[in-house]
Amino acid sequence: MPSVRFGYAVQPAAPDCEARLRVCRAVCCYLPFPLSRQDMDEGELAWSAGYPFQLARAEGRRCVHLDPDARRCTVYENRPRICR
């Protein structure tokens, strides 16, 4: 009988970010993470000159694409793969 790797069998449901935004306040937009090769190739995102393949940061270490007042992503349709 073949073994089943359950970790790969089911894809988790994407969270409803819109509904949770008032609670989380876009805290994930303050976490550093690398951009994928596809993100870099598409050329839509600002990346850090000091740390290639990392998303650029604005004051307060937030993602440069986060509107600080509205707490919304300004490149939502082209957001990084990890943000999807």
PDB file of N, CA and C in Angstrom:
ATOM      1  N   MET A   1       0.850  -1.189   0.000  1.00  0.00           N
ATOM      2  CA  MET A   1       0.000   0.000   0.000  1.00  0.00           C
ATOM      3  C   MET A   1       0.893   1.250   0.000  1.00  0.00           C
ATOM      4  N   PRO A   2       0.703   2.154  -0.944  1.00  0.00           N
ATOM      5  CA  PRO A   2       1.540   3.354  -1.000  1.00  0.00           C
ATOM      6  C   PRO A   2       1.213   4.312   0.142  1.00  0.00           C
ATOM      7  N   SER A   3       2.241   4.985   0.608  1.00  0.00           N
ATOM      8  CA  SER A   3       2.004   5.962   1.674  1.00  0.00           C
ATOM      9  C   SER A   3       1.484   7.263   1.067  1.00  0.00           C
ATOM     10  N   VAL A   4       0.659   7.952   1.804  1.00  0.00           N
ATOM     11  CA  VAL A   4       0.083   9.225   1.364  1.00  0.00           C
ATOM     12  C   VAL A   4       0.669  10.328   2.214  1.00  0.00           C
ATOM     13  N   ARG A   5       1.200  11.327   1.568  1.00  0.00           N
ATOM     14  CA  ARG A   5       1.761  12.467   2.292  1.00  0.00           C
ATOM     15  C   ARG A   5       0.676  13.521   2.406  1.00  0.00           C
ATOM     16  N   PHE A   6      -0.013  13.508   3.512  1.00  0.00           N
ATOM     17  CA  PHE A   6      -1.171  14.388   3.691  1.00  0.00           C
ATOM     18  C   PHE A   6      -0.819  15.867   3.626  1.00  0.00           C
ATOM     19  N   GLY A   7       0.392  16.214   3.965  1.00  0.00           N
ATOM     20  CA  GLY A   7       0.786  17.614   3.920  1.00  0.00           C
ATOM     21  C   GLY A   7       0.701  18.219   2.530  1.00  0.00           C
ATOM     22  N   TYR A   8       0.741  17.372   1.515  1.00  0.00           N
ATOM     23  CA  TYR A   8       0.683  17.854   0.147  1.00  0.00           C
ATOM     24  C   TYR A   8      -0.647  17.541  -0.530  1.00  0.00           C
ATOM     25  N   ALA A   9      -1.474  16.766   0.130  1.00  0.00           N
ATOM     26  CA  ALA A   9      -2.732  16.341  -0.484  1.00  0.00           C
ATOM     27  C   ALA A   9      -3.802  17.420  -0.459  1.00  0.00           C
ATOM     28  N   VAL A  10      -3.777  18.271   0.533  1.00  0.00           N
ATOM     29  CA  VAL A  10      -4.832  19.271   0.697  1.00  0.00           C
ATOM     30  C   VAL A  10      -4.204  20.657   0.747  1.00  0.00           C
ATOM     31  N   GLN A  11      -4.729  21.541  -0.059  1.00  0.00           N
ATOM     32  CA  GLN A  11      -4.280  22.927  -0.032  1.00  0.00           C
ATOM     33  C   GLN A  11      -5.112  23.694   0.990  1.00  0.00           C
ATOM     34  N   PRO A  12      -4.475  24.441   1.883  1.00  0.00           N
ATOM     35  CA  PRO A  12      -5.255  25.207   2.854  1.00  0.00           C
ATOM     36  C   PRO A  12      -6.051  26.310   2.165  1.00  0.00           C
ATOM     37  N   ALA A  13      -7.181  26.625   2.728  1.00  0.00           N
ATOM     38  CA  ALA A  13      -8.011  27.708   2.191  1.00  0.00           C
ATOM     39  C   ALA A  13      -7.320  29.042   2.448  1.00  0.00           C
ATOM     40  N   ALA A  14      -7.414  29.940   1.500  1.00  0.00           N
ATOM     41  CA  ALA A  14      -6.834  31.271   1.670  1.00  0.00           C
ATOM     42  C   ALA A  14      -7.663  32.051   2.684  1.00  0.00           C
ATOM     43  N   PRO A  15      -7.017  32.783   3.581  1.00  0.00           N
ATOM     44  CA  PRO A  15      -7.777  33.562   4.556  1.00  0.00           C
ATOM     45  C   PRO A  15      -8.521  34.716   3.876  1.00  0.00           C
ATOM     46  N   ASP A  16      -9.599  35.114   4.460  1.00  0.00           N
ATOM     47  CA  ASP A  16     -10.360  36.261   3.965  1.00  0.00           C
ATOM     48  C   ASP A  16      -9.732  37.514   4.551  1.00  0.00           C
ATOM     49  N   CYS A  17      -8.703  38.010   3.887  1.00  0.00           N
ATOM     50  CA  CYS A  17      -7.944  39.151   4.398  1.00  0.00           C
ATOM     51  C   CYS A  17      -8.814  40.391   4.585  1.00  0.00           C
ATOM     52  N   GLU A  18      -9.718  40.623   3.676  1.00  0.00           N
ATOM     53  CA  GLU A  18     -10.587  41.804   3.762  1.00  0.00           C
ATOM     54  C   GLU A  18     -11.360  41.811   5.083  1.00  0.00           C
ATOM     55  N   ALA A  19     -11.906  40.680   5.456  1.00  0.00           N
ATOM     56  CA  ALA A  19     -12.695  40.589   6.684  1.00  0.00           C
ATOM     57  C   ALA A  19     -11.829  40.697   7.936  1.00  0.00           C
ATOM     58  N   ARG A  20     -10.569  40.293   7.846  1.00  0.00           N
ATOM     59  CA  ARG A  20      -9.692  40.282   9.026  1.00  0.00           C
ATOM     60  C   ARG A  20      -8.840  41.544   9.160  1.00  0.00           C
ATOM     61  N   LEU A  21      -8.843  42.392   8.177  1.00  0.00           N
ATOM     62  CA  LEU A  21      -7.966  43.555   8.154  1.00  0.00           C
ATOM     63  C   LEU A  21      -8.136  44.464   9.366  1.00  0.00           C
ATOM     64  N   ARG A  22      -9.347  44.658   9.818  1.00  0.00           N
ATOM     65  CA  ARG A  22      -9.568  45.544  10.973  1.00  0.00           C
ATOM     66  C   ARG A  22      -8.960  44.978  12.249  1.00  0.00           C
ATOM     67  N   VAL A  23      -8.748  43.676  12.280  1.00  0.00           N
ATOM     68  CA  VAL A  23      -8.147  43.039  13.455  1.00  0.00           C
ATOM     69  C   VAL A  23      -6.626  42.959  13.322  1.00  0.00           C
ATOM     70  N   CYS A  24      -6.151  42.487  12.195  1.00  0.00           N
ATOM     71  CA  CYS A  24      -4.712  42.261  12.031  1.00  0.00           C
ATOM     72  C   CYS A  24      -3.929  43.534  11.701  1.00  0.00           C
ATOM     73  N   ARG A  25      -4.595  44.513  11.103  1.00  0.00           N
ATOM     74  CA  ARG A  25      -3.969  45.795  10.742  1.00  0.00           C
ATOM     75  C   ARG A  25      -2.768  45.615   9.817  1.00  0.00           C
ATOM     76  N   ALA A  26      -2.822  44.573   8.977  1.00  0.00           N
ATOM     77  CA  ALA A  26      -1.796  44.298   7.957  1.00  0.00           C
ATOM     78  C   ALA A  26      -0.411  44.067   8.566  1.00  0.00           C
ATOM     79  N   VAL A  27      -0.380  43.392   9.689  1.00  0.00           N
ATOM     80  CA  VAL A  27       0.896  43.132  10.355  1.00  0.00           C
ATOM     81  C   VAL A  27       1.846  42.321   9.476  1.00  0.00           C
ATOM     82  N   CYS A  28       1.315  41.478   8.580  1.00  0.00           N
ATOM     83  CA  CYS A  28       2.190  40.689   7.703  1.00  0.00           C
ATOM     84  C   CYS A  28       2.997  41.590   6.764  1.00  0.00           C
ATOM     85  N   CYS A  29       2.542  42.794   6.534  1.00  0.00           N
ATOM     86  CA  CYS A  29       3.243  43.724   5.647  1.00  0.00           C
ATOM     87  C   CYS A  29       4.490  44.319   6.299  1.00  0.00           C
ATOM     88  N   TYR A  30       4.765  43.935   7.532  1.00  0.00           N
ATOM     89  CA  TYR A  30       5.966  44.372   8.235  1.00  0.00           C
ATOM     90  C   TYR A  30       7.000  43.255   8.340  1.00  0.00           C
ATOM     91  N   LEU A  31       6.665  42.068   7.825  1.00  0.00           N
ATOM     92  CA  LEU A  31       7.587  40.935   7.882  1.00  0.00           C
ATOM     93  C   LEU A  31       8.498  40.934   6.660  1.00  0.00           C
ATOM     94  N   PRO A  32       9.790  40.727   6.863  1.00  0.00           N
ATOM     95  CA  PRO A  32      10.695  40.646   5.704  1.00  0.00           C
ATOM     96  C   PRO A  32      10.569  39.275   5.048  1.00  0.00           C
ATOM     97  N   PHE A  33      10.616  39.252   3.740  1.00  0.00           N
ATOM     98  CA  PHE A  33      10.585  37.987   3.011  1.00  0.00           C
ATOM     99  C   PHE A  33      11.177  38.184   1.625  1.00  0.00           C
ATOM    100  N   PRO A  34      11.685  37.109   1.044  1.00  0.00           N
ATOM    101  CA  PRO A  34      12.265  37.219  -0.302  1.00  0.00           C
ATOM    102  C   PRO A  34      11.189  37.223  -1.373  1.00  0.00           C
ATOM    103  N   LEU A  35      11.507  37.850  -2.478  1.00  0.00           N
ATOM    104  CA  LEU A  35      10.639  37.819  -3.655  1.00  0.00           C
ATOM    105  C   LEU A  35      10.990  36.599  -4.488  1.00  0.00           C
ATOM    106  N   SER A  36      10.023  36.066  -5.188  1.00  0.00           N
ATOM    107  CA  SER A  36      10.278  34.927  -6.067  1.00  0.00           C
ATOM    108  C   SER A  36      10.930  35.430  -7.356  1.00  0.00           C
ATOM    109  N   ARG A  37      11.488  34.522  -8.092  1.00  0.00           N
ATOM    110  CA  ARG A  37      12.082  34.881  -9.381  1.00  0.00           C
ATOM    111  C   ARG A  37      11.006  35.483 -10.284  1.00  0.00           C
ATOM    112  N   GLN A  38       9.794  34.928 -10.255  1.00  0.00           N
ATOM    113  CA  GLN A  38       8.699  35.456 -11.061  1.00  0.00           C
ATOM    114  C   GLN A  38       8.370  36.887 -10.646  1.00  0.00           C
ATOM    115  N   ASP A  39       8.330  37.156  -9.342  1.00  0.00           N
ATOM    116  CA  ASP A  39       8.075  38.521  -8.864  1.00  0.00           C
ATOM    117  C   ASP A  39       9.116  39.480  -9.437  1.00  0.00           C
ATOM    118  N   MET A  40      10.376  39.069  -9.410  1.00  0.00           N
ATOM    119  CA  MET A  40      11.453  39.923  -9.914  1.00  0.00           C
ATOM    120  C   MET A  40      11.339  40.104 -11.429  1.00  0.00           C
ATOM    121  N   ASP A  41      11.040  39.027 -12.143  1.00  0.00           N
ATOM    122  CA  ASP A  41      10.947  39.091 -13.601  1.00  0.00           C
ATOM    123  C   ASP A  41       9.803  39.980 -14.071  1.00  0.00           C
ATOM    124  N   GLU A  42       8.690  39.987 -13.335  1.00  0.00           N
ATOM    125  CA  GLU A  42       7.541  40.804 -13.724  1.00  0.00           C
ATOM    126  C   GLU A  42       7.832  42.289 -13.596  1.00  0.00           C
ATOM    127  N   GLY A  43       8.739  42.667 -12.701  1.00  0.00           N
ATOM    128  CA  GLY A  43       9.173  44.054 -12.584  1.00  0.00           C
ATOM    129  C   GLY A  43       8.144  45.027 -12.038  1.00  0.00           C
ATOM    130  N   GLU A  44       7.117  44.540 -11.366  1.00  0.00           N
ATOM    131  CA  GLU A  44       6.058  45.407 -10.840  1.00  0.00           C
ATOM    132  C   GLU A  44       6.327  45.867  -9.412  1.00  0.00           C
ATOM    133  N   LEU A  45       7.217  45.191  -8.714  1.00  0.00           N
ATOM    134  CA  LEU A  45       7.429  45.441  -7.291  1.00  0.00           C
ATOM    135  C   LEU A  45       8.753  46.140  -7.036  1.00  0.00           C
ATOM    136  N   ALA A  46       8.750  46.998  -6.035  1.00  0.00           N
ATOM    137  CA  ALA A  46       9.988  47.656  -5.628  1.00  0.00           C
ATOM    138  C   ALA A  46      10.785  46.699  -4.753  1.00  0.00           C
ATOM    139  N   TRP A  47      12.044  46.533  -5.067  1.00  0.00           N
ATOM    140  CA  TRP A  47      12.888  45.655  -4.269  1.00  0.00           C
ATOM    141  C   TRP A  47      14.017  46.453  -3.657  1.00  0.00           C
ATOM    142  N   SER A  48      14.614  45.900  -2.646  1.00  0.00           N
ATOM    143  CA  SER A  48      15.652  46.578  -1.888  1.00  0.00           C
ATOM    144  C   SER A  48      16.991  46.528  -2.603  1.00  0.00           C
ATOM    145  N   ALA A  49      17.610  47.680  -2.790  1.00  0.00           N
ATOM    146  CA  ALA A  49      18.926  47.722  -3.429  1.00  0.00           C
ATOM    147  C   ALA A  49      19.983  47.098  -2.519  1.00  0.00           C
ATOM    148  N   GLY A  50      19.814  47.244  -1.217  1.00  0.00           N
ATOM    149  CA  GLY A  50      20.766  46.683  -0.255  1.00  0.00           C
ATOM    150  C   GLY A  50      20.604  45.190  -0.043  1.00  0.00           C
ATOM    151  N   TYR A  51      19.409  44.686  -0.309  1.00  0.00           N
ATOM    152  CA  TYR A  51      19.112  43.268  -0.131  1.00  0.00           C
ATOM    153  C   TYR A  51      18.361  42.762  -1.364  1.00  0.00           C
ATOM    154  N   PRO A  52      19.080  42.479  -2.443  1.00  0.00           N
ATOM    155  CA  PRO A  52      18.408  41.999  -3.653  1.00  0.00           C
ATOM    156  C   PRO A  52      17.508  40.801  -3.361  1.00  0.00           C
ATOM    157  N   PHE A  53      16.416  40.740  -4.053  1.00  0.00           N
ATOM    158  CA  PHE A  53      15.389  39.707  -3.913  1.00  0.00           C
ATOM    159  C   PHE A  53      14.545  39.883  -2.652  1.00  0.00           C
ATOM    160  N   GLN A  54      14.690  41.011  -1.971  1.00  0.00           N
ATOM    161  CA  GLN A  54      13.789  41.307  -0.863  1.00  0.00           C
ATOM    162  C   GLN A  54      12.964  42.525  -1.214  1.00  0.00           C
ATOM    163  N   LEU A  55      11.720  42.505  -0.775  1.00  0.00           N
ATOM    164  CA  LEU A  55      10.821  43.617  -1.016  1.00  0.00           C
ATOM    165  C   LEU A  55      11.349  44.863  -0.318  1.00  0.00           C
ATOM    166  N   ALA A  56      11.252  45.999  -0.979  1.00  0.00           N
ATOM    167  CA  ALA A  56      11.731  47.257  -0.404  1.00  0.00           C
ATOM    168  C   ALA A  56      10.890  47.633   0.813  1.00  0.00           C
ATOM    169  N   ARG A  57      11.512  48.350   1.728  1.00  0.00           N
ATOM    170  CA  ARG A  57      10.877  48.760   2.975  1.00  0.00           C
ATOM    171  C   ARG A  57      10.813  50.277   3.053  1.00  0.00           C
ATOM    172  N   ALA A  58       9.731  50.761   3.643  1.00  0.00           N
ATOM    173  CA  ALA A  58       9.563  52.198   3.874  1.00  0.00           C
ATOM    174  C   ALA A  58       9.837  52.463   5.354  1.00  0.00           C
ATOM    175  N   GLU A  59       9.640  53.690   5.767  1.00  0.00           N
ATOM    176  CA  GLU A  59       9.846  54.019   7.172  1.00  0.00           C
ATOM    177  C   GLU A  59       8.973  53.131   8.062  1.00  0.00           C
ATOM    178  N   GLY A  60       9.504  52.792   9.199  1.00  0.00           N
ATOM    179  CA  GLY A  60       8.784  51.901  10.089  1.00  0.00           C
ATOM    180  C   GLY A  60       8.894  50.449   9.669  1.00  0.00           C
ATOM    181  N   ARG A  61       9.737  50.179   8.683  1.00  0.00           N
ATOM    182  CA  ARG A  61      10.008  48.824   8.169  1.00  0.00           C
ATOM    183  C   ARG A  61       8.810  48.160   7.499  1.00  0.00           C
ATOM    184  N   ARG A  62       7.823  48.961   7.095  1.00  0.00           N
ATOM    185  CA  ARG A  62       6.664  48.398   6.394  1.00  0.00           C
ATOM    186  C   ARG A  62       6.985  48.236   4.918  1.00  0.00           C
ATOM    187  N   CYS A  63       6.245  47.376   4.267  1.00  0.00           N
ATOM    188  CA  CYS A  63       6.368  47.198   2.824  1.00  0.00           C
ATOM    189  C   CYS A  63       6.083  48.536   2.134  1.00  0.00           C
ATOM    190  N   VAL A  64       6.861  48.883   1.136  1.00  0.00           N
ATOM    191  CA  VAL A  64       6.659  50.158   0.440  1.00  0.00           C
ATOM    192  C   VAL A  64       5.325  50.205  -0.301  1.00  0.00           C
ATOM    193  N   HIS A  65       4.728  49.054  -0.532  1.00  0.00           N
ATOM    194  CA  HIS A  65       3.465  49.003  -1.268  1.00  0.00           C
ATOM    195  C   HIS A  65       2.243  49.042  -0.352  1.00  0.00           C
ATOM    196  N   LEU A  66       2.459  49.175   0.945  1.00  0.00           N
ATOM    197  CA  LEU A  66       1.350  49.282   1.895  1.00  0.00           C
ATOM    198  C   LEU A  66       0.987  50.744   2.080  1.00  0.00           C
ATOM    199  N   ASP A  67      -0.252  51.087   1.816  1.00  0.00           N
ATOM    200  CA  ASP A  67      -0.740  52.437   2.086  1.00  0.00           C
ATOM    201  C   ASP A  67      -0.911  52.529   3.604  1.00  0.00           C
ATOM    202  N   PRO A  68      -0.104  53.344   4.295  1.00  0.00           N
ATOM    203  CA  PRO A  68      -0.128  53.353   5.756  1.00  0.00           C
ATOM    204  C   PRO A  68      -1.432  53.877   6.355  1.00  0.00           C
ATOM    205  N   ASP A  69      -2.134  54.725   5.645  1.00  0.00           N
ATOM    206  CA  ASP A  69      -3.388  55.267   6.173  1.00  0.00           C
ATOM    207  C   ASP A  69      -4.549  54.290   5.990  1.00  0.00           C
ATOM    208  N   ALA A  70      -4.680  53.749   4.808  1.00  0.00           N
ATOM    209  CA  ALA A  70      -5.785  52.834   4.511  1.00  0.00           C
ATOM    210  C   ALA A  70      -5.472  51.399   4.914  1.00  0.00           C
ATOM    211  N   ARG A  71      -4.168  51.117   5.173  1.00  0.00           N
ATOM    212  CA  ARG A  71      -3.735  49.748   5.479  1.00  0.00           C
ATOM    213  C   ARG A  71      -4.142  48.798   4.352  1.00  0.00           C
ATOM    214  N   ARG A  72      -3.899  49.231   3.136  1.00  0.00           N
ATOM    215  CA  ARG A  72      -4.234  48.447   1.949  1.00  0.00           C
ATOM    216  C   ARG A  72      -3.002  48.351   1.052  1.00  0.00           C
ATOM    217  N   CYS A  73      -2.932  47.257   0.340  1.00  0.00           N
ATOM    218  CA  CYS A  73      -1.842  47.042  -0.615  1.00  0.00           C
ATOM    219  C   CYS A  73      -2.110  47.864  -1.871  1.00  0.00           C
ATOM    220  N   THR A  74      -1.121  48.631  -2.289  1.00  0.00           N
ATOM    221  CA  THR A  74      -1.287  49.474  -3.475  1.00  0.00           C
ATOM    222  C   THR A  74      -0.990  48.714  -4.768  1.00  0.00           C
ATOM    223  N   VAL A  75      -0.471  47.498  -4.655  1.00  0.00           N
ATOM    224  CA  VAL A  75      -0.194  46.670  -5.830  1.00  0.00           C
ATOM    225  C   VAL A  75      -0.906  45.323  -5.690  1.00  0.00           C
ATOM    226  N   TYR A  76      -2.097  45.345  -5.124  1.00  0.00           N
ATOM    227  CA  TYR A  76      -2.803  44.115  -4.770  1.00  0.00           C
ATOM    228  C   TYR A  76      -2.902  43.130  -5.937  1.00  0.00           C
ATOM    229  N   GLU A  77      -3.238  43.606  -7.115  1.00  0.00           N
ATOM    230  CA  GLU A  77      -3.373  42.717  -8.275  1.00  0.00           C
ATOM    231  C   GLU A  77      -2.034  42.108  -8.685  1.00  0.00           C
ATOM    232  N   ASN A  78      -0.944  42.778  -8.367  1.00  0.00           N
ATOM    233  CA  ASN A  78       0.395  42.295  -8.714  1.00  0.00           C
ATOM    234  C   ASN A  78       1.233  42.001  -7.472  1.00  0.00           C
ATOM    235  N   ARG A  79       0.568  41.756  -6.358  1.00  0.00           N
ATOM    236  CA  ARG A  79       1.278  41.529  -5.090  1.00  0.00           C
ATOM    237  C   ARG A  79       2.208  40.322  -5.197  1.00  0.00           C
ATOM    238  N   PRO A  80       3.206  40.285  -4.327  1.00  0.00           N
ATOM    239  CA  PRO A  80       4.160  39.167  -4.373  1.00  0.00           C
ATOM    240  C   PRO A  80       3.489  37.817  -4.167  1.00  0.00           C
ATOM    241  N   ARG A  81       4.127  36.826  -4.674  1.00  0.00           N
ATOM    242  CA  ARG A  81       3.599  35.466  -4.564  1.00  0.00           C
ATOM    243  C   ARG A  81       3.318  35.075  -3.119  1.00  0.00           C
ATOM    244  N   ILE A  82       4.214  35.419  -2.201  1.00  0.00           N
ATOM    245  CA  ILE A  82       4.038  35.052  -0.799  1.00  0.00           C
ATOM    246  C   ILE A  82       2.812  35.726  -0.172  1.00  0.00           C
ATOM    247  N   CYS A  83       2.394  36.852  -0.695  1.00  0.00           N
ATOM    248  CA  CYS A  83       1.235  37.582  -0.181  1.00  0.00           C
ATOM    249  C   CYS A  83      -0.081  36.999  -0.692  1.00  0.00           C
ATOM    250  N   ARG A  84      -0.006  36.175  -1.678  1.00  0.00           N
ATOM    251  CA  ARG A  84      -1.224  35.594  -2.241  1.00  0.00           C
ATOM    252  C   ARG A  84      -1.691  34.482  -1.371  1.00  0.00           C
TER     253      ARG A  84
END
